[in-house]
Amino acid sequence: MSKRQKTKKLRGRKDHWLPQGYLRGFIAPSRENENQPLSCFDRREQKWRSVSPREVAFGVGFYDYAIGTDYSAATHPDSAFARLEREFPQRRELMAASNFETWGEHKDFLLEFMQMMRARSPLAMEQQRAEARKIRASTVTSVSPDRRSVTVDSLELRPLPEHGVRNFTISRVLQDVRNGISWAGRLDWCLRYTDDENAPFCTTDQAIFVEGPVAGVSTVADIGMDLLFHPETVVFFPLCWRACIFGSPRKFDVSYDRAHPTQLASLRDTQKQRANRFVIAPRAF
């Protein structure tokens, strides 16, 4: 396969920011054999529709570098995403076999997976683009033979061109994923579970939500590190319809327990009100 053919194969793909393996965890047992087993609430249209995991949470070429980029010299997103995407469903099944009682054995992996989900989300991508547009730079046109000096095209620093913004954004996303557990390792975590598919955990286009002292803040990407570690802040990340992990600067009294029905209902209402685009659920509510 030629270099051009390889590049073409890596571009223009259907890139899911919520991995299909993650979304399958929100399929209720009673709907496993349906072609469109998930319920999706469209925030803008305020309507529910049935979907399959491959039909939602994707963009064509969402993680592509700019046209003209040499992919042989660039770190491809697959190198950062593939292991985590492949391993998450396997770990979820292992935990489910014990009714998630063994979740602590997988905690570090879950936090690493959660960090990837945050870093590759549409909101985080937009924030990285905004940062890239603040950068001012010149283009190096030549390097001296001894590599001690360079020549630039202008002494006047200018904004990055759009292809530079695009490549900076993708590079920063991948770096965030490689950072691993990162901020999440500084929080205490617990898991709550349910076995009632009619009272499930759900997820959204951003997956990770925040409840805290600042009104209007919904996601980790929205909140600064000082507020993230505020004692009243709680981060929650649904693993599937049966389980969700919660993080807080304060230590939880119980690290594993059944979720109370009122807690589940409250979380679903919060997600429906504050999701950016949509809610994914085992059933409409």
Foldseek 3Di string as FASTA:
>chain_A
DDQVVVLVVQAFAWAALCQLLQLVLQADPVQPPPPQQKWKQWLVVRDIDTHHSSPDRTDGRLLPADPPDRPVPDDRVCVLPVVLSVCLNVVVVVCVVVLNPVVVVCVQSVLLSLQLSQLSAPLNLVVLLVVLQVDWAFAFPAADPVRPDTDTPDPGTDRDPPSSSRNSSSVVSSVSSVVGNPPVVLWAKAKAWDDDQVLWAWAASSQKFKDFDDPPGTHPSRDDPVRCQDQRMKMWGASHRTMIMITGNDHDPHRYYYDDSVVSVVNVVVCSVRGPTMMMHSDDD
